[in-house]
N, C-alpha and C. Protein backbone atom coordinates (compact mmCIF):
# COMPACT_ATOMS: atom_id res chain seq x y z
N MET A 1 31.63 -6.60 -17.37
CA MET A 1 30.57 -5.58 -17.52
C MET A 1 31.14 -4.27 -17.57
N THR A 2 30.70 -3.54 -18.68
CA THR A 2 31.26 -2.10 -18.88
C THR A 2 30.65 -1.14 -17.86
N MET A 3 31.53 -0.52 -17.23
CA MET A 3 31.02 0.59 -16.35
C MET A 3 30.73 1.91 -17.03
N ILE A 4 29.74 2.55 -16.76
CA ILE A 4 29.40 3.75 -17.38
C ILE A 4 29.58 4.89 -16.38
N ASP A 5 30.25 5.96 -16.96
CA ASP A 5 30.46 7.21 -16.08
C ASP A 5 29.37 8.02 -16.39
N PHE A 6 28.37 8.02 -15.37
CA PHE A 6 27.20 8.84 -15.53
C PHE A 6 27.41 10.22 -15.54
N SER A 7 28.49 10.66 -14.94
CA SER A 7 28.70 12.26 -14.94
C SER A 7 29.05 12.76 -16.27
N THR A 8 29.36 11.99 -17.12
CA THR A 8 29.74 12.54 -18.47
C THR A 8 28.53 12.48 -19.39
N LEU A 9 27.35 11.95 -19.03
CA LEU A 9 26.22 11.85 -19.92
C LEU A 9 25.27 13.12 -19.80
N SER A 10 24.71 13.45 -20.87
CA SER A 10 23.69 14.57 -20.88
C SER A 10 22.41 14.06 -20.21
N ILE A 11 21.60 14.94 -19.77
CA ILE A 11 20.20 14.67 -19.29
C ILE A 11 19.58 13.74 -20.37
N ASP A 12 19.61 14.00 -21.72
CA ASP A 12 18.95 13.21 -22.70
C ASP A 12 19.48 11.86 -22.79
N GLU A 13 20.72 11.77 -22.63
CA GLU A 13 21.36 10.43 -22.68
C GLU A 13 21.07 9.66 -21.46
N LEU A 14 20.93 10.30 -20.27
CA LEU A 14 20.65 9.71 -19.09
C LEU A 14 19.06 9.14 -19.25
N ASN A 15 18.17 9.95 -19.83
CA ASN A 15 16.82 9.59 -19.83
C ASN A 15 16.71 8.47 -20.95
N ASP A 16 17.37 8.43 -21.95
CA ASP A 16 17.45 7.36 -22.94
C ASP A 16 17.95 5.99 -22.24
N LEU A 17 19.01 6.18 -21.48
CA LEU A 17 19.50 4.95 -20.84
C LEU A 17 18.50 4.40 -19.75
N GLN A 18 17.83 5.34 -19.16
CA GLN A 18 16.81 4.81 -18.20
C GLN A 18 15.66 4.12 -18.92
N LYS A 19 15.17 4.63 -20.08
CA LYS A 19 14.13 3.97 -20.79
C LYS A 19 14.55 2.61 -21.31
N LYS A 20 15.84 2.53 -21.75
CA LYS A 20 16.35 1.20 -22.25
C LYS A 20 16.36 0.26 -21.10
N ALA A 21 16.78 0.73 -19.92
CA ALA A 21 16.91 -0.14 -18.74
C ALA A 21 15.55 -0.47 -18.30
N GLU A 22 14.46 0.21 -18.38
CA GLU A 22 13.23 -0.15 -18.08
C GLU A 22 12.57 -1.11 -19.05
N LEU A 23 12.86 -0.98 -20.34
CA LEU A 23 12.40 -1.94 -21.36
C LEU A 23 13.12 -3.35 -21.11
N GLU A 24 14.39 -3.25 -20.80
CA GLU A 24 15.11 -4.51 -20.46
C GLU A 24 14.62 -5.19 -19.28
N LYS A 25 14.21 -4.40 -18.28
CA LYS A 25 13.61 -4.95 -17.01
C LYS A 25 12.32 -5.75 -17.30
N GLU A 26 11.45 -5.06 -18.12
CA GLU A 26 10.24 -5.62 -18.47
C GLU A 26 10.39 -6.86 -19.37
N SER A 27 11.34 -6.81 -20.28
CA SER A 27 11.72 -8.03 -21.06
C SER A 27 12.02 -9.26 -20.28
N ARG A 28 12.94 -9.00 -19.34
CA ARG A 28 13.45 -10.12 -18.47
C ARG A 28 12.29 -10.61 -17.52
N LYS A 29 11.49 -9.68 -17.07
CA LYS A 29 10.30 -10.12 -16.30
C LYS A 29 9.35 -10.96 -17.02
N SER A 30 9.06 -10.62 -18.24
CA SER A 30 8.13 -11.33 -19.22
C SER A 30 8.78 -12.61 -19.55
N THR A 31 10.14 -12.79 -19.79
CA THR A 31 10.78 -14.00 -19.93
C THR A 31 10.67 -14.96 -18.71
N SER A 32 10.93 -14.39 -17.57
CA SER A 32 10.78 -15.15 -16.36
C SER A 32 9.35 -15.70 -16.16
N ILE A 33 8.38 -14.88 -16.34
CA ILE A 33 6.98 -15.39 -16.23
C ILE A 33 6.73 -16.42 -17.16
N ASP A 34 7.08 -16.26 -18.41
CA ASP A 34 6.94 -17.37 -19.42
C ASP A 34 7.56 -18.59 -18.99
N ARG A 35 8.86 -18.47 -18.50
CA ARG A 35 9.52 -19.81 -17.97
C ARG A 35 8.76 -20.41 -16.84
N ILE A 36 8.30 -19.67 -15.89
CA ILE A 36 7.50 -20.13 -14.80
C ILE A 36 6.27 -20.83 -15.12
N ARG A 37 5.54 -20.19 -16.16
CA ARG A 37 4.37 -20.76 -16.59
C ARG A 37 4.63 -21.96 -17.36
N GLN A 38 5.77 -22.10 -18.14
CA GLN A 38 6.07 -23.54 -18.61
C GLN A 38 6.29 -24.51 -17.59
N LEU A 39 6.97 -24.14 -16.47
CA LEU A 39 7.31 -25.03 -15.57
C LEU A 39 6.09 -25.56 -14.93
N ILE A 40 5.25 -24.66 -14.41
CA ILE A 40 3.90 -25.04 -13.81
C ILE A 40 3.03 -25.93 -14.72
N THR A 41 2.96 -25.60 -16.06
CA THR A 41 2.27 -26.45 -16.98
C THR A 41 2.79 -27.89 -17.05
N ALA A 42 4.20 -27.91 -17.19
CA ALA A 42 4.75 -29.23 -17.24
C ALA A 42 4.51 -30.02 -15.94
N GLU A 43 4.78 -29.52 -14.79
CA GLU A 43 4.57 -30.15 -13.44
C GLU A 43 3.07 -30.59 -13.27
N ALA A 44 2.17 -29.64 -13.74
CA ALA A 44 0.72 -30.01 -13.57
C ALA A 44 0.32 -31.24 -14.53
N ALA A 45 0.88 -31.18 -15.85
CA ALA A 45 0.62 -32.30 -16.69
C ALA A 45 1.21 -33.68 -16.14
N ALA A 46 2.40 -33.55 -15.57
CA ALA A 46 3.06 -34.69 -15.03
C ALA A 46 2.22 -35.42 -13.89
N ALA A 47 1.56 -34.39 -13.13
CA ALA A 47 0.74 -34.83 -11.90
C ALA A 47 -0.66 -35.13 -12.29
N GLY A 48 -0.94 -34.95 -13.67
CA GLY A 48 -2.20 -35.23 -14.12
C GLY A 48 -3.39 -34.20 -13.72
N VAL A 49 -2.90 -33.01 -13.43
CA VAL A 49 -3.78 -32.01 -12.83
C VAL A 49 -4.00 -30.87 -13.95
N ASP A 50 -5.17 -30.29 -13.99
CA ASP A 50 -5.48 -29.32 -14.99
C ASP A 50 -4.75 -27.95 -14.47
N VAL A 51 -4.09 -27.29 -15.30
CA VAL A 51 -3.31 -25.99 -14.94
C VAL A 51 -4.33 -24.97 -14.32
N ASP A 52 -5.56 -24.87 -14.92
CA ASP A 52 -6.49 -23.80 -14.44
C ASP A 52 -6.81 -24.19 -12.89
N GLU A 53 -6.82 -25.47 -12.56
CA GLU A 53 -7.17 -25.81 -11.17
C GLU A 53 -6.03 -25.37 -10.23
N VAL A 54 -4.82 -25.57 -10.69
CA VAL A 54 -3.68 -25.10 -9.90
C VAL A 54 -3.67 -23.54 -9.73
N VAL A 55 -3.87 -22.87 -10.82
CA VAL A 55 -3.82 -21.47 -10.87
C VAL A 55 -4.89 -20.84 -10.13
N SER A 56 -6.06 -21.58 -10.05
CA SER A 56 -7.24 -21.09 -9.27
C SER A 56 -7.00 -21.00 -7.75
N ILE A 57 -5.93 -21.71 -7.23
CA ILE A 57 -5.61 -21.66 -5.89
C ILE A 57 -5.23 -20.23 -5.43
N TRP A 58 -4.50 -19.79 -6.46
CA TRP A 58 -3.88 -18.34 -6.13
C TRP A 58 -4.88 -17.34 -6.33
N ALA A 59 -5.88 -17.51 -7.12
CA ALA A 59 -6.99 -16.53 -7.48
C ALA A 59 -7.94 -16.38 -6.28
N VAL A 60 -7.90 -17.16 -5.32
CA VAL A 60 -8.93 -17.04 -4.15
C VAL A 60 -8.67 -15.79 -3.49
N PRO A 61 -9.66 -14.87 -3.36
CA PRO A 61 -9.58 -13.63 -2.64
C PRO A 61 -9.30 -13.94 -1.08
N ARG A 62 -8.48 -13.25 -0.58
CA ARG A 62 -8.08 -13.39 0.86
C ARG A 62 -9.10 -12.55 1.71
N ARG A 63 -9.58 -13.27 2.74
CA ARG A 63 -10.60 -12.60 3.68
C ARG A 63 -9.92 -11.62 4.52
N LYS A 64 -10.65 -10.58 4.90
CA LYS A 64 -10.15 -9.40 5.70
C LYS A 64 -10.26 -9.94 7.14
N LYS A 65 -9.47 -9.66 8.04
CA LYS A 65 -9.50 -9.99 9.35
C LYS A 65 -10.75 -9.16 9.92
N ALA A 66 -11.24 -9.84 10.96
CA ALA A 66 -12.49 -9.13 11.62
C ALA A 66 -12.37 -7.76 11.95
N ASN A 67 -11.14 -7.43 12.45
CA ASN A 67 -11.06 -5.92 12.79
C ASN A 67 -10.69 -5.00 11.74
N GLN A 68 -10.70 -5.57 10.54
CA GLN A 68 -10.26 -4.71 9.42
C GLN A 68 -11.54 -4.36 8.57
N LYS A 69 -12.65 -4.49 9.04
CA LYS A 69 -13.85 -4.26 8.24
C LYS A 69 -13.95 -2.74 7.88
N ASN A 70 -14.63 -2.47 6.84
CA ASN A 70 -14.78 -1.23 6.40
C ASN A 70 -15.66 -0.40 7.43
N LYS A 71 -15.13 0.18 8.44
CA LYS A 71 -15.84 0.96 9.46
C LYS A 71 -15.69 2.56 9.16
N GLU A 72 -16.79 3.17 9.43
CA GLU A 72 -16.77 4.68 9.42
C GLU A 72 -16.02 5.10 10.69
N THR A 73 -15.20 6.16 10.58
CA THR A 73 -14.51 6.59 11.74
C THR A 73 -15.42 7.50 12.43
N VAL A 74 -15.60 7.20 13.82
CA VAL A 74 -16.55 7.86 14.68
C VAL A 74 -15.70 8.89 15.58
N TYR A 75 -15.85 10.02 15.43
CA TYR A 75 -15.18 11.06 16.22
C TYR A 75 -15.94 11.29 17.42
N ARG A 76 -15.30 11.56 18.52
CA ARG A 76 -15.98 11.64 19.88
C ARG A 76 -15.69 13.03 20.40
N TYR A 77 -14.61 13.70 19.96
CA TYR A 77 -14.22 14.88 20.45
C TYR A 77 -13.84 15.91 19.34
N GLN A 78 -14.26 17.31 19.62
CA GLN A 78 -13.93 18.34 18.53
C GLN A 78 -13.17 19.43 19.21
N ASP A 79 -12.37 20.05 18.60
CA ASP A 79 -11.61 21.19 19.05
C ASP A 79 -12.54 22.43 19.18
N PRO A 80 -12.65 23.08 20.31
CA PRO A 80 -13.58 24.20 20.38
C PRO A 80 -13.04 25.47 19.58
N ASN A 81 -11.84 25.39 19.29
CA ASN A 81 -11.25 26.68 18.53
C ASN A 81 -11.21 26.44 17.09
N ASN A 82 -11.29 25.06 16.57
CA ASN A 82 -11.06 24.82 15.25
C ASN A 82 -11.91 23.41 14.94
N SER A 83 -13.14 23.71 14.38
CA SER A 83 -14.05 22.61 14.19
C SER A 83 -13.61 21.39 13.35
N SER A 84 -12.47 21.72 12.56
CA SER A 84 -11.87 20.61 11.66
C SER A 84 -11.10 19.71 12.41
N ASN A 85 -10.58 20.06 13.61
CA ASN A 85 -9.80 19.04 14.43
C ASN A 85 -10.70 18.26 15.19
N LYS A 86 -10.61 16.89 14.95
CA LYS A 86 -11.41 16.00 15.65
C LYS A 86 -10.58 14.81 16.11
N TRP A 87 -11.04 14.10 17.10
CA TRP A 87 -10.43 12.95 17.68
C TRP A 87 -11.35 11.85 18.04
N THR A 88 -11.07 10.68 17.88
CA THR A 88 -11.84 9.47 18.04
C THR A 88 -11.96 9.15 19.49
N GLY A 89 -11.02 9.61 20.29
CA GLY A 89 -10.81 9.25 21.65
C GLY A 89 -9.90 8.10 21.97
N LYS A 90 -9.48 7.48 20.83
CA LYS A 90 -8.51 6.37 21.06
C LYS A 90 -7.06 6.68 20.70
N GLY A 91 -6.18 6.06 21.30
CA GLY A 91 -4.91 6.45 21.08
C GLY A 91 -4.37 7.57 21.93
N ARG A 92 -3.21 8.21 21.57
CA ARG A 92 -2.66 9.34 22.06
C ARG A 92 -3.59 10.59 21.83
N ALA A 93 -3.75 11.42 22.79
CA ALA A 93 -4.60 12.58 22.48
C ALA A 93 -3.86 13.62 21.68
N PRO A 94 -4.40 14.22 20.68
CA PRO A 94 -3.70 15.19 19.95
C PRO A 94 -3.30 16.39 20.67
N ALA A 95 -2.35 17.25 20.20
CA ALA A 95 -1.93 18.29 20.86
C ALA A 95 -3.11 19.34 21.15
N TRP A 96 -3.93 19.50 20.24
CA TRP A 96 -5.06 20.53 20.38
C TRP A 96 -6.00 20.24 21.61
N PHE A 97 -6.09 18.79 21.84
CA PHE A 97 -6.98 18.40 22.91
C PHE A 97 -6.27 18.78 24.25
N ALA A 98 -4.86 18.50 24.33
CA ALA A 98 -4.30 18.87 25.50
C ALA A 98 -4.22 20.38 25.76
N ASP A 99 -4.03 21.11 24.65
CA ASP A 99 -3.92 22.64 24.91
C ASP A 99 -5.36 23.07 25.41
N ALA A 100 -6.47 22.53 24.85
CA ALA A 100 -7.74 22.91 25.17
C ALA A 100 -8.04 22.62 26.73
N ILE A 101 -7.63 21.44 27.13
CA ILE A 101 -7.71 21.06 28.61
C ILE A 101 -6.95 21.99 29.44
N ASN A 102 -5.73 22.45 29.01
CA ASN A 102 -4.91 23.37 29.81
C ASN A 102 -5.48 24.77 29.78
N LEU A 103 -6.30 25.04 28.79
CA LEU A 103 -6.96 26.53 28.69
C LEU A 103 -8.45 26.45 29.56
N GLY A 104 -8.74 25.33 30.13
CA GLY A 104 -9.88 25.26 30.93
C GLY A 104 -11.07 24.55 30.34
N HIS A 105 -10.99 24.07 29.10
CA HIS A 105 -12.07 23.34 28.54
C HIS A 105 -12.05 21.82 29.30
N THR A 106 -13.24 21.23 29.38
CA THR A 106 -13.23 19.93 29.98
C THR A 106 -13.44 18.97 28.73
N LYS A 107 -13.28 17.75 29.10
CA LYS A 107 -13.30 16.59 28.18
C LYS A 107 -14.78 16.52 27.72
N GLU A 108 -15.71 16.67 28.59
CA GLU A 108 -17.08 16.59 28.24
C GLU A 108 -17.55 17.88 27.44
N SER A 109 -16.98 19.10 27.54
CA SER A 109 -17.31 20.13 26.83
C SER A 109 -16.96 20.05 25.33
N MET A 110 -16.02 19.10 25.20
CA MET A 110 -15.42 18.97 23.57
C MET A 110 -16.03 17.71 23.11
N LYS A 111 -16.98 16.98 23.85
CA LYS A 111 -17.65 15.87 23.21
C LYS A 111 -18.62 16.21 22.23
N ILE A 112 -18.65 15.44 21.04
CA ILE A 112 -19.51 15.63 19.92
C ILE A 112 -20.81 14.99 20.28
N ALA A 113 -21.81 15.73 20.15
CA ALA A 113 -23.26 15.04 20.41
C ALA A 113 -23.52 14.26 19.21
N ASN A 114 -23.97 12.93 19.40
CA ASN A 114 -24.23 11.89 18.40
C ASN A 114 -25.67 11.67 18.30
């Protein structure tokens, strides 16, 4: 394999080399996909199975876990000095919350009315 001294190349030459490398990567990927497609088709035919049936196994959408549902974030506390700072009350308290407590605000006084 020929080694290229990149330090001697101009920016245009480096850009050209990068484009050629990307094209080569895409070409190799396409060739690999075609080879895999041929292998799957041959194996399916040998087993007497329709290729679409085999491929449909991979097309099944995966279910989300129960705790990953699209939930709206519910904020419970708001910074008395900056209304854009909010906290759900879960996890570690943000710095603004601790600062407000140290300044005499109570947890209840920062609670957002729902």
